[in-house]
Amino acid sequence: MEGYREPPSLPQLDDDQFTIVGLGVLVVDNNPESLDHLTSLLRAQNYNVTPATDASTAFEMVCKDLNRFDVIIVEVRVDGAFEFLTNILQVTDDKIPVLMISESDDIKTVRSAVMGGACKFQAKPLREQEIQTIWQHVYRKKLTLSSQDQPPPPPSQDHGSVSEQEQQENGKKPRMRWVQELDDRFMEAVKGLRGLDKAVPMEILRAMNVPTVTRAQVASHLQKVRDQWRKRNPPPVKEADHDQANYRSAPTN
């Protein structure tokens, strides 16, 4: 497309910076049978798995060695699971992705997990493909942390922008394309800022650390994502409202 330039490429990790084999996985589940099953599936993928049956023991293990685990999987039904999630994000400075799992995937549970800072909610039982791709959450987190350590490129590097002359020739400013990598960066920033409800555009922009993205573009994308979330997760209809709606729609003689 004339006048369009690709957005900046996100940083990559070398093989010596990231490897799938031996990733440290902490699994917290108060159901021994479920815990053993998930542990076996993870170990079959060459993950270094540590099982735990309660949140307090798991939290102590994390605090004892902050570099021991690369990803944490928590069953929602574990006592204090959401408090554990909050504490983990705080003590690790949100450097370890946390997945929350449960047999119950109702809207309230999923929303609480995502808004609480979990990188993903997954319904049980986990399929083999989902087990195999858990490393992607670790990789994405390391990419984000790596990009935050890198200084922004000098102004002369015009990645993904369009000059004023080109804008005038085109007659209007081209819309930004939120490619998958940029959207992943956006969602990672939102999660780090405690979710869609509390995140604000300027904070997201700083957390994304992509020089060619503007606050206005982030604000527009944030509103779009919020609207999509509300459409997929409508608030439950109160019984009184439901009765009133039925009364209004009832046929009249």
C-alpha atoms as a PDB file:
ATOM      1  CA  MET A   1       0.000   0.000   0.000  1.00  0.00           C
ATOM      2  CA  GLU A   2       1.439   3.379  -1.050  1.00  0.00           C
ATOM      3  CA  GLY A   3       2.456   5.581   1.849  1.00  0.00           C
ATOM      4  CA  TYR A   4       2.490   2.675   4.321  1.00  0.00           C
ATOM      5  CA  ARG A   5       5.576   1.453   6.111  1.00  0.00           C
ATOM      6  CA  GLU A   6       5.858  -1.572   8.339  1.00  0.00           C
ATOM      7  CA  PRO A   7       5.833  -0.906  12.095  1.00  0.00           C
ATOM      8  CA  PRO A   8       9.104  -1.415  13.970  1.00  0.00           C
ATOM      9  CA  SER A   9      10.180  -4.991  14.464  1.00  0.00           C
ATOM     10  CA  LEU A  10      10.179  -6.093  18.073  1.00  0.00           C
ATOM     11  CA  PRO A  11      13.404  -7.379  19.650  1.00  0.00           C
ATOM     12  CA  GLN A  12      14.353 -11.004  19.246  1.00  0.00           C
ATOM     13  CA  LEU A  13      16.084 -13.322  21.690  1.00  0.00           C
ATOM     14  CA  ASP A  14      19.103 -15.391  20.710  1.00  0.00           C
ATOM     15  CA  ASP A  15      19.228 -19.106  21.402  1.00  0.00           C
ATOM     16  CA  ASP A  16      21.604 -18.510  24.303  1.00  0.00           C
ATOM     17  CA  GLN A  17      19.073 -16.104  25.843  1.00  0.00           C
ATOM     18  CA  PHE A  18      16.104 -18.454  25.695  1.00  0.00           C
ATOM     19  CA  THR A  19      15.603 -22.189  25.567  1.00  0.00           C
ATOM     20  CA  ILE A  20      12.447 -24.267  25.960  1.00  0.00           C
ATOM     21  CA  VAL A  21      14.085 -27.304  27.526  1.00  0.00           C
ATOM     22  CA  GLY A  22      14.314 -27.056  31.288  1.00  0.00           C
ATOM     23  CA  LEU A  23      12.027 -24.064  31.782  1.00  0.00           C
ATOM     24  CA  GLY A  24      11.078 -23.839  35.443  1.00  0.00           C
ATOM     25  CA  VAL A  25       7.346 -24.358  35.944  1.00  0.00           C
ATOM     26  CA  LEU A  26       5.605 -24.057  39.318  1.00  0.00           C
ATOM     27  CA  VAL A  27       2.197 -25.770  39.399  1.00  0.00           C
ATOM     28  CA  VAL A  28      -0.201 -25.012  42.276  1.00  0.00           C
ATOM     29  CA  ASP A  29      -3.266 -27.239  42.562  1.00  0.00           C
ATOM     30  CA  ASN A  30      -5.039 -28.511  45.679  1.00  0.00           C
ATOM     31  CA  ASN A  31      -6.351 -31.573  43.839  1.00  0.00           C
ATOM     32  CA  PRO A  32      -3.589 -34.236  44.092  1.00  0.00           C
ATOM     33  CA  GLU A  33      -4.853 -36.233  41.117  1.00  0.00           C
ATOM     34  CA  SER A  34      -5.099 -33.163  38.903  1.00  0.00           C
ATOM     35  CA  LEU A  35      -1.706 -31.938  40.116  1.00  0.00           C
ATOM     36  CA  ASP A  36      -0.002 -35.253  39.321  1.00  0.00           C
ATOM     37  CA  HIS A  37      -1.605 -35.401  35.884  1.00  0.00           C
ATOM     38  CA  LEU A  38      -0.577 -31.881  34.905  1.00  0.00           C
ATOM     39  CA  THR A  39       2.918 -32.384  36.321  1.00  0.00           C
ATOM     40  CA  SER A  40       3.374 -35.502  34.182  1.00  0.00           C
ATOM     41  CA  LEU A  41       2.193 -33.724  31.035  1.00  0.00           C
ATOM     42  CA  LEU A  42       4.577 -30.832  31.612  1.00  0.00           C
ATOM     43  CA  ARG A  43       7.552 -33.076  32.340  1.00  0.00           C
ATOM     44  CA  ALA A  44       6.857 -34.966  29.126  1.00  0.00           C
ATOM     45  CA  GLN A  45       7.614 -31.660  27.349  1.00  0.00           C
ATOM     46  CA  ASN A  46      10.981 -31.412  29.157  1.00  0.00           C
ATOM     47  CA  TYR A  47       9.853 -28.667  31.528  1.00  0.00           C
ATOM     48  CA  ASN A  48      11.417 -28.594  34.983  1.00  0.00           C
ATOM     49  CA  VAL A  49       8.237 -28.890  37.062  1.00  0.00           C
ATOM     50  CA  THR A  50       7.749 -28.228  40.775  1.00  0.00           C
ATOM     51  CA  PRO A  51       4.312 -29.177  42.170  1.00  0.00           C
ATOM     52  CA  ALA A  52       2.664 -27.517  45.178  1.00  0.00           C
ATOM     53  CA  THR A  53      -0.700 -28.123  46.827  1.00  0.00           C
ATOM     54  CA  ASP A  54      -1.196 -24.759  48.563  1.00  0.00           C
ATOM     55  CA  ALA A  55      -0.541 -21.103  47.824  1.00  0.00           C
ATOM     56  CA  SER A  56       1.504 -20.316  50.938  1.00  0.00           C
ATOM     57  CA  THR A  57       4.066 -23.050  50.248  1.00  0.00           C
ATOM     58  CA  ALA A  58       4.276 -22.013  46.600  1.00  0.00           C
ATOM     59  CA  PHE A  59       4.800 -18.363  47.548  1.00  0.00           C
ATOM     60  CA  GLU A  60       7.611 -19.295  49.934  1.00  0.00           C
ATOM     61  CA  MET A  61       9.360 -21.224  47.166  1.00  0.00           C
ATOM     62  CA  VAL A  62       9.143 -18.255  44.818  1.00  0.00           C
ATOM     63  CA  CYS A  63      10.445 -15.817  47.442  1.00  0.00           C
ATOM     64  CA  LYS A  64      13.325 -18.131  48.341  1.00  0.00           C
ATOM     65  CA  ASP A  65      14.696 -17.987  44.792  1.00  0.00           C
ATOM     66  CA  LEU A  66      13.152 -15.433  42.420  1.00  0.00           C
ATOM     67  CA  ASN A  67      15.065 -16.926  39.483  1.00  0.00           C
ATOM     68  CA  ARG A  68      13.925 -20.504  40.005  1.00  0.00           C
ATOM     69  CA  PHE A  69      10.668 -20.363  38.042  1.00  0.00           C
ATOM     70  CA  ASP A  70       9.956 -19.065  34.538  1.00  0.00           C
ATOM     71  CA  VAL A  71       6.179 -19.525  34.623  1.00  0.00           C
ATOM     72  CA  ILE A  72       3.563 -20.297  37.279  1.00  0.00           C
ATOM     73  CA  ILE A  73       0.305 -22.204  36.800  1.00  0.00           C
ATOM     74  CA  VAL A  74      -2.352 -21.776  39.498  1.00  0.00           C
ATOM     75  CA  GLU A  75      -5.685 -23.527  39.969  1.00  0.00           C
ATOM     76  CA  VAL A  76      -8.359 -20.934  40.793  1.00  0.00           C
ATOM     77  CA  ARG A  77      -9.904 -23.160  43.476  1.00  0.00           C
ATOM     78  CA  VAL A  78      -6.730 -23.125  45.570  1.00  0.00           C
ATOM     79  CA  ASP A  79      -7.359 -21.200  48.809  1.00  0.00           C
ATOM     80  CA  GLY A  80      -6.051 -17.654  48.383  1.00  0.00           C
ATOM     81  CA  ALA A  81      -5.368 -18.129  44.657  1.00  0.00           C
ATOM     82  CA  PHE A  82      -6.093 -14.510  43.685  1.00  0.00           C
ATOM     83  CA  GLU A  83      -4.184 -13.129  46.652  1.00  0.00           C
ATOM     84  CA  PHE A  84      -1.301 -15.377  45.599  1.00  0.00           C
ATOM     85  CA  LEU A  85      -1.516 -13.936  42.071  1.00  0.00           C
ATOM     86  CA  THR A  86      -1.332 -10.370  43.373  1.00  0.00           C
ATOM     87  CA  ASN A  87       1.576 -11.144  45.693  1.00  0.00           C
ATOM     88  CA  ILE A  88       3.526 -12.917  42.957  1.00  0.00           C
ATOM     89  CA  LEU A  89       3.180  -9.967  40.596  1.00  0.00           C
ATOM     90  CA  GLN A  90       4.399  -7.633  43.317  1.00  0.00           C
ATOM     91  CA  VAL A  91       7.323  -9.665  44.648  1.00  0.00           C
ATOM     92  CA  THR A  92       8.618 -10.530  41.159  1.00  0.00           C
ATOM     93  CA  ASP A  93       7.941  -7.062  39.752  1.00  0.00           C
ATOM     94  CA  ASP A  94       5.658  -8.767  37.208  1.00  0.00           C
ATOM     95  CA  LYS A  95       8.558 -10.630  35.599  1.00  0.00           C
ATOM     96  CA  ILE A  96       7.040 -14.114  35.816  1.00  0.00           C
ATOM     97  CA  PRO A  97       3.923 -14.913  33.753  1.00  0.00           C
ATOM     98  CA  VAL A  98       1.110 -16.505  35.759  1.00  0.00           C
ATOM     99  CA  LEU A  99      -1.522 -18.726  34.137  1.00  0.00           C
ATOM    100  CA  MET A 100      -4.723 -19.458  35.997  1.00  0.00           C
ATOM    101  CA  ILE A 101      -6.628 -22.660  35.304  1.00  0.00           C
ATOM    102  CA  SER A 102      -9.924 -24.161  36.433  1.00  0.00           C
ATOM    103  CA  GLU A 103     -12.680 -26.507  35.382  1.00  0.00           C
ATOM    104  CA  SER A 104     -15.028 -23.560  35.817  1.00  0.00           C
ATOM    105  CA  ASP A 105     -14.702 -21.054  32.977  1.00  0.00           C
ATOM    106  CA  ASP A 106     -17.615 -18.773  33.816  1.00  0.00           C
ATOM    107  CA  ILE A 107     -17.303 -15.114  32.910  1.00  0.00           C
ATOM    108  CA  LYS A 108     -16.777 -13.937  36.479  1.00  0.00           C
ATOM    109  CA  THR A 109     -13.866 -16.321  37.060  1.00  0.00           C
ATOM    110  CA  VAL A 110     -12.170 -15.535  33.760  1.00  0.00           C
ATOM    111  CA  ARG A 111     -12.601 -11.799  34.255  1.00  0.00           C
ATOM    112  CA  SER A 112     -11.184 -11.942  37.790  1.00  0.00           C
ATOM    113  CA  ALA A 113      -8.136 -13.839  36.566  1.00  0.00           C
ATOM    114  CA  VAL A 114      -7.373 -11.555  33.620  1.00  0.00           C
ATOM    115  CA  MET A 115      -8.103  -8.326  35.451  1.00  0.00           C
ATOM    116  CA  GLY A 116      -6.038  -9.570  38.374  1.00  0.00           C
ATOM    117  CA  GLY A 117      -2.960  -9.770  36.166  1.00  0.00           C
ATOM    118  CA  ALA A 118      -2.868 -13.366  34.914  1.00  0.00           C
ATOM    119  CA  CYS A 119      -1.362 -13.621  31.444  1.00  0.00           C
ATOM    120  CA  LYS A 120      -4.045 -16.126  30.493  1.00  0.00           C
ATOM    121  CA  PHE A 121      -6.956 -18.156  31.832  1.00  0.00           C
ATOM    122  CA  GLN A 122      -7.210 -21.723  30.605  1.00  0.00           C
ATOM    123  CA  ALA A 123     -10.079 -24.138  31.183  1.00  0.00           C
ATOM    124  CA  LYS A 124      -9.207 -27.623  32.414  1.00  0.00           C
ATOM    125  CA  PRO A 125      -8.305 -30.175  31.349  1.00  0.00           C
ATOM    126  CA  LEU A 126      -5.386 -28.672  29.442  1.00  0.00           C
ATOM    127  CA  ARG A 127      -4.860 -30.145  26.015  1.00  0.00           C
ATOM    128  CA  GLU A 128      -1.486 -31.346  24.755  1.00  0.00           C
ATOM    129  CA  GLN A 129      -1.144 -28.388  22.391  1.00  0.00           C
ATOM    130  CA  GLU A 130      -1.740 -25.950  25.257  1.00  0.00           C
ATOM    131  CA  ILE A 131       0.908 -27.712  27.326  1.00  0.00           C
ATOM    132  CA  GLN A 132       3.379 -27.555  24.452  1.00  0.00           C
ATOM    133  CA  THR A 133       2.925 -23.808  23.939  1.00  0.00           C
ATOM    134  CA  ILE A 134       3.220 -22.660  27.560  1.00  0.00           C
ATOM    135  CA  TRP A 135       6.774 -21.563  26.766  1.00  0.00           C
ATOM    136  CA  GLN A 136       5.347 -18.801  24.543  1.00  0.00           C
ATOM    137  CA  HIS A 137       4.173 -16.863  27.609  1.00  0.00           C
ATOM    138  CA  VAL A 138       7.719 -16.961  28.964  1.00  0.00           C
ATOM    139  CA  TYR A 139       9.185 -15.896  25.636  1.00  0.00           C
ATOM    140  CA  ARG A 140       6.744 -12.994  25.297  1.00  0.00           C
ATOM    141  CA  LYS A 141       7.526 -11.813  28.815  1.00  0.00           C
ATOM    142  CA  LYS A 142      11.279 -11.923  28.175  1.00  0.00           C
ATOM    143  CA  LEU A 143      10.789  -9.966  24.942  1.00  0.00           C
ATOM    144  CA  THR A 144       8.926  -7.273  26.822  1.00  0.00           C
ATOM    145  CA  LEU A 145      11.552  -7.037  29.546  1.00  0.00           C
ATOM    146  CA  SER A 146      14.316  -7.008  26.937  1.00  0.00           C
ATOM    147  CA  SER A 147      12.697  -4.152  25.022  1.00  0.00           C
ATOM    148  CA  GLN A 148      12.353  -2.105  28.215  1.00  0.00           C
ATOM    149  CA  ASP A 149      16.121  -2.366  28.753  1.00  0.00           C
ATOM    150  CA  GLN A 150      16.898  -1.098  25.254  1.00  0.00           C
ATOM    151  CA  PRO A 151      17.212   2.656  24.539  1.00  0.00           C
ATOM    152  CA  PRO A 152      14.780   3.990  21.928  1.00  0.00           C
ATOM    153  CA  PRO A 153      16.196   4.446  18.407  1.00  0.00           C
ATOM    154  CA  PRO A 154      17.315   7.930  17.375  1.00  0.00           C
ATOM    155  CA  PRO A 155      14.748  10.170  15.657  1.00  0.00           C
ATOM    156  CA  SER A 156      16.408   9.589  12.283  1.00  0.00           C
ATOM    157  CA  GLN A 157      15.189   5.994  12.268  1.00  0.00           C
ATOM    158  CA  ASP A 158      11.721   6.446  10.874  1.00  0.00           C
ATOM    159  CA  HIS A 159      10.064   3.070  11.528  1.00  0.00           C
ATOM    160  CA  GLY A 160       6.488   2.726  10.493  1.00  0.00           C
ATOM    161  CA  SER A 161       5.783   6.478  10.292  1.00  0.00           C
ATOM    162  CA  VAL A 162       4.772   8.598   7.351  1.00  0.00           C
ATOM    163  CA  SER A 163       6.254  11.994   6.534  1.00  0.00           C
ATOM    164  CA  GLU A 164       4.115  15.131   6.540  1.00  0.00           C
ATOM    165  CA  GLN A 165       4.616  15.444   2.794  1.00  0.00           C
ATOM    166  CA  GLU A 166       3.349  11.909   2.203  1.00  0.00           C
ATOM    167  CA  GLN A 167       0.351  12.593   4.440  1.00  0.00           C
ATOM    168  CA  GLN A 168      -0.502  15.704   2.439  1.00  0.00           C
ATOM    169  CA  GLU A 169      -0.154  13.796  -0.843  1.00  0.00           C
ATOM    170  CA  ASN A 170      -2.416  11.028   0.407  1.00  0.00           C
ATOM    171  CA  GLY A 171      -4.958  13.541   1.642  1.00  0.00           C
ATOM    172  CA  LYS A 172      -5.282  11.938   5.061  1.00  0.00           C
ATOM    173  CA  LYS A 173      -3.195  10.361   7.754  1.00  0.00           C
ATOM    174  CA  PRO A 174      -2.993   6.566   7.321  1.00  0.00           C
ATOM    175  CA  ARG A 175      -4.398   4.419  10.107  1.00  0.00           C
ATOM    176  CA  MET A 176      -1.994   2.437  12.199  1.00  0.00           C
ATOM    177  CA  ARG A 177      -2.077  -1.331  11.776  1.00  0.00           C
ATOM    178  CA  TRP A 178      -2.011  -3.189  15.080  1.00  0.00           C
ATOM    179  CA  VAL A 179      -0.099  -6.256  13.941  1.00  0.00           C
ATOM    180  CA  GLN A 180       0.025  -9.263  16.266  1.00  0.00           C
ATOM    181  CA  GLU A 181       3.391  -8.375  17.794  1.00  0.00           C
ATOM    182  CA  LEU A 182       2.279  -4.858  18.651  1.00  0.00           C
ATOM    183  CA  ASP A 183      -1.015  -6.110  20.043  1.00  0.00           C
ATOM    184  CA  ASP A 184       0.867  -8.611  22.201  1.00  0.00           C
ATOM    185  CA  ARG A 185       3.028  -5.762  23.476  1.00  0.00           C
ATOM    186  CA  PHE A 186      -0.104  -3.717  24.183  1.00  0.00           C
ATOM    187  CA  MET A 187      -1.801  -6.536  26.119  1.00  0.00           C
ATOM    188  CA  GLU A 188       1.372  -7.235  28.093  1.00  0.00           C
ATOM    189  CA  ALA A 189       1.476  -3.576  29.102  1.00  0.00           C
ATOM    190  CA  VAL A 190      -2.205  -3.583  30.075  1.00  0.00           C
ATOM    191  CA  LYS A 191      -1.752  -6.677  32.205  1.00  0.00           C
ATOM    192  CA  GLY A 192       1.223  -5.100  33.966  1.00  0.00           C
ATOM    193  CA  LEU A 193      -0.939  -2.085  34.785  1.00  0.00           C
ATOM    194  CA  ARG A 194      -3.574  -4.246  36.479  1.00  0.00           C
ATOM    195  CA  GLY A 195      -5.987  -4.724  33.621  1.00  0.00           C
ATOM    196  CA  LEU A 196      -8.244  -2.981  31.133  1.00  0.00           C
ATOM    197  CA  ASP A 197     -10.359  -1.147  33.704  1.00  0.00           C
ATOM    198  CA  LYS A 198      -7.459   0.646  35.401  1.00  0.00           C
ATOM    199  CA  ALA A 199      -4.895   1.103  32.633  1.00  0.00           C
ATOM    200  CA  VAL A 200      -4.622   4.548  31.024  1.00  0.00           C
ATOM    201  CA  PRO A 201      -3.170   5.362  27.571  1.00  0.00           C
ATOM    202  CA  MET A 202      -0.063   7.257  28.718  1.00  0.00           C
ATOM    203  CA  GLU A 203       0.980   4.500  31.121  1.00  0.00           C
ATOM    204  CA  ILE A 204       0.410   1.870  28.436  1.00  0.00           C
ATOM    205  CA  LEU A 205       2.471   3.911  25.976  1.00  0.00           C
ATOM    206  CA  ARG A 206       5.388   4.097  28.396  1.00  0.00           C
ATOM    207  CA  ALA A 207       5.191   0.386  29.170  1.00  0.00           C
ATOM    208  CA  MET A 208       5.064  -0.575  25.475  1.00  0.00           C
ATOM    209  CA  ASN A 209       8.194   1.493  24.755  1.00  0.00           C
ATOM    210  CA  VAL A 210       7.598   1.630  20.994  1.00  0.00           C
ATOM    211  CA  PRO A 211       8.747   5.103  19.830  1.00  0.00           C
ATOM    212  CA  THR A 212       6.565   5.265  16.709  1.00  0.00           C
ATOM    213  CA  VAL A 213       3.305   4.586  18.569  1.00  0.00           C
ATOM    214  CA  THR A 214       1.464   7.669  19.818  1.00  0.00           C
ATOM    215  CA  ARG A 215      -0.755   8.216  22.825  1.00  0.00           C
ATOM    216  CA  ALA A 216      -3.757   8.824  20.551  1.00  0.00           C
ATOM    217  CA  GLN A 217      -3.214   5.480  18.813  1.00  0.00           C
ATOM    218  CA  VAL A 218      -2.959   3.691  22.163  1.00  0.00           C
ATOM    219  CA  ALA A 219      -6.124   5.425  23.441  1.00  0.00           C
ATOM    220  CA  SER A 220      -8.047   4.409  20.329  1.00  0.00           C
ATOM    221  CA  HIS A 221      -6.866   0.819  20.554  1.00  0.00           C
ATOM    222  CA  LEU A 222      -7.635   0.675  24.273  1.00  0.00           C
ATOM    223  CA  GLN A 223     -11.216   1.768  23.652  1.00  0.00           C
ATOM    224  CA  LYS A 224     -11.576  -0.809  20.878  1.00  0.00           C
ATOM    225  CA  VAL A 225     -10.287  -3.628  23.097  1.00  0.00           C
ATOM    226  CA  ARG A 226     -12.574  -2.543  25.956  1.00  0.00           C
ATOM    227  CA  ASP A 227     -15.582  -2.506  23.631  1.00  0.00           C
ATOM    228  CA  GLN A 228     -14.725  -5.984  22.346  1.00  0.00           C
ATOM    229  CA  TRP A 229     -14.360  -7.258  25.909  1.00  0.00           C
ATOM    230  CA  ARG A 230     -17.764  -5.865  26.929  1.00  0.00           C
ATOM    231  CA  LYS A 231     -19.435  -7.427  23.896  1.00  0.00           C
ATOM    232  CA  ARG A 232     -17.944 -10.837  24.687  1.00  0.00           C
ATOM    233  CA  ASN A 233     -18.624 -10.503  28.400  1.00  0.00           C
ATOM    234  CA  PRO A 234     -21.931  -8.674  28.913  1.00  0.00           C
ATOM    235  CA  PRO A 235     -22.914  -7.982  32.532  1.00  0.00           C
ATOM    236  CA  PRO A 236     -25.437 -10.437  33.930  1.00  0.00           C
ATOM    237  CA  VAL A 237     -29.044  -9.272  33.795  1.00  0.00           C
ATOM    238  CA  LYS A 238     -30.489  -8.684  37.248  1.00  0.00           C
ATOM    239  CA  GLU A 239     -33.635 -10.633  38.044  1.00  0.00           C
ATOM    240  CA  ALA A 240     -35.660  -7.456  38.542  1.00  0.00           C
ATOM    241  CA  ASP A 241     -34.458  -6.033  35.224  1.00  0.00           C
ATOM    242  CA  HIS A 242     -35.190  -9.348  33.536  1.00  0.00           C
ATOM    243  CA  ASP A 243     -38.756  -9.398  34.855  1.00  0.00           C
ATOM    244  CA  GLN A 244     -39.275  -5.805  33.805  1.00  0.00           C
ATOM    245  CA  ALA A 245     -37.976  -6.562  30.322  1.00  0.00           C
ATOM    246  CA  ASN A 246     -40.345  -9.509  30.037  1.00  0.00           C
ATOM    247  CA  TYR A 247     -43.228  -7.352  31.216  1.00  0.00           C
ATOM    248  CA  ARG A 248     -42.487  -4.676  28.619  1.00  0.00           C
ATOM    249  CA  SER A 249     -42.200  -7.224  25.836  1.00  0.00           C
ATOM    250  CA  ALA A 250     -45.347  -9.117  26.844  1.00  0.00           C
ATOM    251  CA  PRO A 251     -48.205  -8.896  24.297  1.00  0.00           C
ATOM    252  CA  THR A 252     -51.152  -6.693  25.167  1.00  0.00           C
ATOM    253  CA  ASN A 253     -54.821  -7.443  24.480  1.00  0.00           C
END
